[in-house]
């Protein structure tokens, strides 16, 4: 009997993957307009953290025999395939000057596959220890690693450590915890929290790469004791915005809920368009008009998500995305 999917989590994944695509398109405009920069930072406050948390929630089968080997097939093999593919693709569309197939330096969005595998391995090592201690130490480590320059994008180490606490929170969360998160009586508070966070970004101006979690502090500023404090404050913003977003997500089955089960296809394939968009300077076609930019990017995001979640795309891409025979 086929396992019934949870509409809530598929809805969350659907909205998040739309924001991933929209955010990657929006990246070309963040230096042109402060509103667009604030919007970009707002999205990055919760879209990947929420994906990480949900991934942790569905990692509860880690004790099953062969679980980690299944992850090798599900994550590492697609990582190596797409890491090589995008290295060649970006070269041929003139986005980069040389082909770099270095598996230790994740291409663009490929970091998530590598970190996701690493989070499962790390979880396997710590899952039998005290939950509170493990979570608190993971946040502390996420803050401390910023002081070490060698913990950077190599093997996606920085992001792996920085976002591991979110993965743990998801893993330790129960269905009862999520019933609280889903409770719509908190909707006004969630909307207000997100509005305050966006307003904060509108009233401030700091390096948005702090939200990526991919670089040591020395690459962001002159590192000092306050750098760790800043990451601690960013953790608070991330947690509040992530749980606020998850509270807003509808629980019922929507017309596009099914797309939530196909986010890996969209995530791995949307770089085909993003690469062309950036390499060919298509952002110049919007003429700097903020309303046209917003409308145009929303339309493009919707089309990209629809095309790369289509049944035909799934059938064609299944051998490399899911590493299986699409006829099975």
Protein backbone atom coordinates (compact mmCIF):
# COMPACT_ATOMS: atom_id res chain seq x y z
CA UNK A 1 0.00 0.00 0.00
CA UNK A 2 1.37 3.42 -0.98
CA UNK A 3 2.19 5.69 1.93
CA UNK A 4 -0.11 8.71 2.20
CA UNK A 5 1.80 11.96 1.86
CA UNK A 6 1.29 14.79 4.33
CA UNK A 7 -0.22 17.75 2.45
CA UNK A 8 1.23 20.19 4.98
CA UNK A 9 4.83 19.25 4.34
CA UNK A 10 4.32 19.10 0.57
CA UNK A 11 2.77 22.58 0.71
CA UNK A 12 5.76 23.81 2.71
CA UNK A 13 8.20 22.31 0.20
CA UNK A 14 6.24 23.80 -2.70
CA UNK A 15 6.31 27.35 -1.33
CA UNK A 16 9.95 26.98 -0.32
CA UNK A 17 11.14 25.78 -3.72
CA UNK A 18 9.32 28.71 -5.36
CA UNK A 19 11.23 31.02 -3.00
CA UNK A 20 14.51 29.23 -3.82
CA UNK A 21 14.03 29.87 -7.54
CA UNK A 22 12.77 33.41 -6.97
CA UNK A 23 15.69 34.16 -4.65
CA UNK A 24 18.25 32.92 -7.16
CA UNK A 25 16.69 35.13 -9.85
CA UNK A 26 16.48 38.07 -7.45
CA UNK A 27 20.21 37.81 -6.69
CA UNK A 28 21.00 39.82 -9.86
CA UNK A 29 19.08 42.84 -8.55
CA UNK A 30 20.02 43.15 -4.87
CA UNK A 31 22.53 45.95 -5.46
CA UNK A 32 20.06 48.05 -7.47
CA UNK A 33 17.32 48.62 -4.93
CA UNK A 34 17.24 48.46 -1.13
CA UNK A 35 13.72 47.03 -1.09
CA UNK A 36 14.83 44.16 -3.33
CA UNK A 37 17.88 43.61 -1.12
CA UNK A 38 15.67 43.51 1.98
CA UNK A 39 13.33 41.07 0.23
CA UNK A 40 16.29 38.91 -0.73
CA UNK A 41 17.54 38.83 2.86
CA UNK A 42 14.04 38.16 4.15
CA UNK A 43 13.71 35.10 1.90
CA UNK A 44 17.16 33.82 2.88
CA UNK A 45 16.22 34.11 6.55
CA UNK A 46 14.01 31.05 6.35
CA UNK A 47 13.76 29.31 2.97
CA UNK A 48 16.81 27.02 3.29
CA UNK A 49 16.61 26.79 7.11
CA UNK A 50 13.03 25.53 6.72
CA UNK A 51 14.14 22.98 4.12
CA UNK A 52 16.88 21.84 6.53
CA UNK A 53 14.45 21.55 9.45
CA UNK A 54 11.95 19.54 7.39
CA UNK A 55 14.76 17.28 6.16
CA UNK A 56 15.69 16.62 9.78
CA UNK A 57 12.09 15.79 10.64
CA UNK A 58 12.05 13.10 7.97
CA UNK A 59 15.39 11.64 9.07
CA UNK A 60 13.78 9.55 11.81
CA UNK A 61 14.42 6.34 9.87
CA UNK A 62 18.15 6.69 10.45
CA UNK A 63 18.21 3.53 12.59
CA UNK A 64 16.88 1.36 9.77
CA UNK A 65 19.34 -1.10 8.20
CA UNK A 66 21.02 0.28 5.08
CA UNK A 67 19.75 3.83 5.70
CA UNK A 68 23.11 5.55 5.16
CA UNK A 69 23.85 3.51 2.03
CA UNK A 70 20.49 4.60 0.62
CA UNK A 71 21.57 8.18 1.25
CA UNK A 72 24.74 7.61 -0.77
CA UNK A 73 22.53 6.67 -3.72
CA UNK A 74 20.00 9.41 -3.05
CA UNK A 75 22.41 12.28 -2.33
CA UNK A 76 26.08 11.64 -3.09
CA UNK A 77 25.66 10.08 -6.54
CA UNK A 78 23.34 12.89 -7.78
CA UNK A 79 25.79 15.36 -6.22
CA UNK A 80 28.70 13.98 -8.25
CA UNK A 81 26.59 13.84 -11.41
CA UNK A 82 25.30 17.41 -11.17
CA UNK A 83 28.57 18.77 -9.82
CA UNK A 84 30.25 17.56 -13.00
CA UNK A 85 27.37 18.59 -15.24
CA UNK A 86 27.17 22.18 -13.99
CA UNK A 87 30.93 22.59 -14.11
CA UNK A 88 30.76 21.83 -17.83
CA UNK A 89 27.49 23.68 -18.40
CA UNK A 90 28.69 26.95 -16.87
CA UNK A 91 31.83 26.75 -18.97
CA UNK A 92 29.94 26.29 -22.24
CA UNK A 93 27.49 29.12 -21.56
CA UNK A 94 30.47 31.38 -20.80
CA UNK A 95 29.54 31.88 -17.17
CA UNK A 96 33.01 30.76 -16.02
CA UNK A 97 36.43 30.70 -17.70
CA UNK A 98 37.39 27.09 -16.99
CA UNK A 99 35.87 23.72 -16.21
CA UNK A 100 36.20 22.97 -12.52
CA UNK A 101 34.92 19.52 -11.59
CA UNK A 102 36.49 19.56 -8.12
CA UNK A 103 34.07 17.47 -5.99
CA UNK A 104 35.38 19.17 -2.84
CA UNK A 105 34.17 22.61 -3.98
CA UNK A 106 30.38 22.43 -4.49
CA UNK A 107 29.04 24.16 -7.58
CA UNK A 108 26.50 26.81 -6.66
CA UNK A 109 23.39 25.13 -5.15
CA UNK A 110 24.98 21.69 -4.98
CA UNK A 111 26.13 22.42 -1.43
CA UNK A 112 22.76 21.29 -0.09
CA UNK A 113 23.19 17.69 -1.23
CA UNK A 114 26.63 17.46 0.33
CA UNK A 115 25.53 19.09 3.58
CA UNK A 116 22.36 16.99 3.74
CA UNK A 117 24.42 13.82 3.56
CA UNK A 118 26.82 15.18 6.20
CA UNK A 119 23.93 16.10 8.53
CA UNK A 120 22.70 12.51 8.43
CA UNK A 121 26.17 11.18 9.22
CA UNK A 122 26.57 13.69 12.07
CA UNK A 123 23.12 12.80 13.37
CA UNK A 124 24.06 9.13 13.37
CA UNK A 125 27.03 10.00 15.60
CA UNK A 126 25.15 12.14 18.14
CA UNK A 127 21.58 10.79 18.19
CA UNK A 128 22.10 8.68 21.32
CA UNK A 129 23.36 11.55 23.45
CA UNK A 130 21.24 13.94 25.51
CA UNK A 131 19.02 15.92 23.15
CA UNK A 132 19.30 19.29 24.90
CA UNK A 133 23.08 19.09 25.20
CA UNK A 134 23.47 18.06 21.55
CA UNK A 135 21.29 20.91 20.29
CA UNK A 136 22.97 23.55 22.47
CA UNK A 137 26.44 22.33 21.48
CA UNK A 138 25.45 22.38 17.80
CA UNK A 139 24.51 26.06 18.07
CA UNK A 140 27.74 26.79 19.93
CA UNK A 141 29.79 24.98 17.28
CA UNK A 142 27.88 26.82 14.55
CA UNK A 143 29.04 30.09 16.13
CA UNK A 144 32.62 29.03 16.86
CA UNK A 145 33.41 27.63 13.38
CA UNK A 146 33.14 31.13 11.95
CA UNK A 147 36.48 31.97 13.54
CA UNK A 148 38.32 29.27 11.56
CA UNK A 149 39.22 30.35 8.04
CA UNK A 150 39.68 26.79 6.77
CA UNK A 151 36.01 26.04 7.53
CA UNK A 152 34.49 27.57 4.42
CA UNK A 153 32.81 26.41 1.23
CA UNK A 154 35.19 23.46 0.85
CA UNK A 155 33.05 20.32 1.24
CA UNK A 156 30.33 22.78 2.30
CA UNK A 157 31.80 22.55 5.79
CA UNK A 158 30.72 25.98 6.98
CA UNK A 159 27.08 25.56 5.96
CA UNK A 160 27.08 22.03 7.33
CA UNK A 161 28.05 23.21 10.81
CA UNK A 162 26.02 26.44 10.72
CA UNK A 163 22.73 24.79 9.70
CA UNK A 164 23.12 21.50 11.60
CA UNK A 165 21.17 22.89 14.60
CA UNK A 166 18.13 23.34 12.34
CA UNK A 167 18.46 19.74 11.14
CA UNK A 168 18.61 18.57 14.76
CA UNK A 169 15.55 20.63 15.71
CA UNK A 170 13.67 18.95 12.89
CA UNK A 171 14.86 15.48 13.89
CA UNK A 172 13.85 15.90 17.53
CA UNK A 173 10.51 17.50 16.64
CA UNK A 174 7.49 15.24 17.02
CA UNK A 175 4.13 15.32 15.27
CA UNK A 176 2.78 16.96 18.44
CA UNK A 177 5.37 19.73 18.12
CA UNK A 178 4.29 20.32 14.55
CA UNK A 179 0.64 20.38 15.58
CA UNK A 180 1.58 23.40 17.70
CA UNK A 181 3.52 24.95 14.79
CA UNK A 182 0.54 24.43 12.48
CA UNK A 183 -1.97 25.93 14.93
CA UNK A 184 -3.50 28.91 13.16
CA UNK A 185 -4.27 30.73 16.40
CA UNK A 186 -0.63 31.85 16.20
CA UNK A 187 -1.11 33.23 12.69
CA UNK A 188 -1.29 36.92 13.73
CA UNK A 189 1.91 36.50 15.74
CA UNK A 190 3.65 34.79 12.81
CA UNK A 191 2.62 37.49 10.35
CA UNK A 192 3.72 40.21 12.79
CA UNK A 193 7.08 38.47 13.36
CA UNK A 194 7.78 38.21 9.64
CA UNK A 195 6.73 41.84 9.14
CA UNK A 196 9.10 42.98 11.89
CA UNK A 197 11.98 40.97 10.39
CA UNK A 198 11.38 42.43 6.95
CA UNK A 199 11.16 45.92 8.42
CA UNK A 200 14.46 45.32 10.21
CA UNK A 201 16.10 44.52 6.87
CA UNK A 202 14.57 47.64 5.35
CA UNK A 203 16.01 49.82 8.12
CA UNK A 204 19.49 48.27 8.14
CA UNK A 205 22.22 47.65 5.62
CA UNK A 206 24.66 44.81 6.26
CA UNK A 207 26.34 42.10 4.23
CA UNK A 208 23.60 39.66 3.23
CA UNK A 209 26.19 36.87 2.95
CA UNK A 210 25.90 36.51 6.72
CA UNK A 211 22.69 34.62 6.00
CA UNK A 212 24.40 32.11 3.69
CA UNK A 213 26.45 30.56 6.49
CA UNK A 214 29.08 29.67 3.90
CA UNK A 215 32.02 31.86 4.89
CA UNK A 216 34.25 32.43 7.92
CA UNK A 217 33.84 35.73 9.74
CA UNK A 218 37.09 37.06 8.29
CA UNK A 219 35.49 37.02 4.84
CA UNK A 220 32.57 39.10 6.09
CA UNK A 221 34.27 41.60 8.39
CA UNK A 222 37.24 42.11 10.68
CA UNK A 223 36.49 39.15 12.93
CA UNK A 224 36.24 39.82 16.66
CA UNK A 225 34.24 38.57 19.62
CA UNK A 226 31.17 40.40 18.34
CA UNK A 227 31.18 38.33 15.13
CA UNK A 228 30.02 35.32 17.11
CA UNK A 229 27.37 37.46 18.79
CA UNK A 230 26.10 38.52 15.36
CA UNK A 231 25.77 34.89 14.24
CA UNK A 232 23.93 34.16 17.48
CA UNK A 233 21.48 36.98 16.70
CA UNK A 234 21.10 35.68 13.14
CA UNK A 235 20.22 32.28 14.58
CA UNK A 236 17.38 33.95 16.50
CA UNK A 237 16.11 35.65 13.34
CA UNK A 238 16.36 32.38 11.40
CA UNK A 239 14.44 30.39 14.01
CA UNK A 240 11.69 32.98 14.45
CA UNK A 241 11.20 33.48 10.70
CA UNK A 242 11.34 29.73 9.98
CA UNK A 243 8.70 28.81 12.55
CA UNK A 244 6.58 31.80 11.53
CA UNK A 245 6.67 30.69 7.91
CA UNK A 246 5.81 27.10 8.86
CA UNK A 247 2.84 28.38 10.85
CA UNK A 248 1.48 30.17 7.79
CA UNK A 249 1.71 27.13 5.51
CA UNK A 250 -1.79 25.73 4.76
CA UNK A 251 -2.57 22.15 5.84
CA UNK A 252 -5.13 21.22 3.18
CA UNK A 253 -4.53 19.73 -0.23
CA UNK A 254 -4.03 22.51 -2.80
CA UNK A 255 -3.97 22.38 -6.58
CA UNK A 256 -0.18 22.60 -6.62
CA UNK A 257 0.53 20.57 -3.49
CA UNK A 258 1.87 17.71 -5.63
CA UNK A 259 4.86 19.87 -6.60
CA UNK A 260 6.10 19.52 -3.04
CA UNK A 261 6.98 15.90 -3.80
CA UNK A 262 9.17 16.96 -6.75
CA UNK A 263 11.32 19.68 -5.24
CA UNK A 264 14.57 17.80 -5.82
CA UNK A 265 13.96 17.89 -9.58
CA UNK A 266 13.37 21.64 -9.46
CA UNK A 267 16.32 22.27 -7.14
CA UNK A 268 18.81 20.36 -9.28
CA UNK A 269 17.53 21.48 -12.67
CA UNK A 270 16.58 25.14 -12.27
CA UNK A 271 20.26 26.08 -12.53
CA UNK A 272 19.92 25.43 -16.27
CA UNK A 273 17.90 28.64 -16.55
CA UNK A 274 19.60 30.61 -13.77
CA UNK A 275 22.97 30.10 -15.46
CA UNK A 276 21.67 31.47 -18.76
CA UNK A 277 19.89 34.32 -16.99
CA UNK A 278 23.07 35.50 -15.30
CA UNK A 279 25.56 34.73 -18.07
CA UNK A 280 23.58 36.57 -20.75
CA UNK A 281 22.67 39.60 -18.65
CA UNK A 282 18.94 39.08 -19.10
CA UNK A 283 18.36 41.08 -15.92
CA UNK A 284 19.09 44.22 -17.98
CA UNK A 285 15.85 43.66 -19.89
CA UNK A 286 13.85 44.88 -16.88
CA UNK A 287 15.25 48.38 -17.10
CA UNK A 288 15.62 48.80 -13.35
CA UNK A 289 11.86 49.19 -12.77
CA UNK A 290 11.11 47.53 -9.43
CA UNK A 291 7.50 46.59 -10.19
CA UNK A 292 8.45 45.09 -13.56
CA UNK A 293 11.32 43.21 -11.90
CA UNK A 294 9.02 41.76 -9.23
CA UNK A 295 6.32 40.75 -11.70
CA UNK A 296 8.79 39.36 -14.22
CA UNK A 297 10.66 37.27 -11.63
CA UNK A 298 7.44 35.92 -10.17
CA UNK A 299 6.25 34.83 -13.60
CA UNK A 300 9.61 33.26 -14.43
CA UNK A 301 9.75 31.49 -11.07
CA UNK A 302 6.28 30.04 -11.60
CA UNK A 303 7.19 28.82 -15.08
CA UNK A 304 10.48 27.29 -13.94
CA UNK A 305 8.82 25.48 -11.04
CA UNK A 306 6.02 24.21 -13.29
CA UNK A 307 8.31 23.03 -16.09
CA UNK A 308 10.83 21.26 -13.88
CA UNK A 309 8.07 19.59 -11.84
CA UNK A 310 6.18 18.39 -14.92
CA UNK A 311 5.61 14.67 -15.40
CA UNK A 312 7.67 14.70 -18.59
CA UNK A 313 10.61 16.34 -16.82
CA UNK A 314 10.36 13.82 -14.01
CA UNK A 315 10.33 10.92 -16.46
CA UNK A 316 13.34 12.19 -18.41
CA UNK A 317 15.42 13.30 -15.42
CA UNK A 318 14.62 10.45 -13.00
CA UNK A 319 17.72 8.38 -13.93
CA UNK A 320 20.06 11.14 -12.69
CA UNK A 321 17.94 12.88 -10.05
CA UNK A 322 16.65 9.75 -8.34
CA UNK A 323 19.32 7.40 -9.77
CA UNK A 324 16.76 4.88 -10.92
CA UNK A 325 15.13 3.55 -14.05
CA UNK A 326 12.23 5.88 -14.90
CA UNK A 327 10.26 2.92 -16.29
CA UNK A 328 10.21 1.18 -12.92
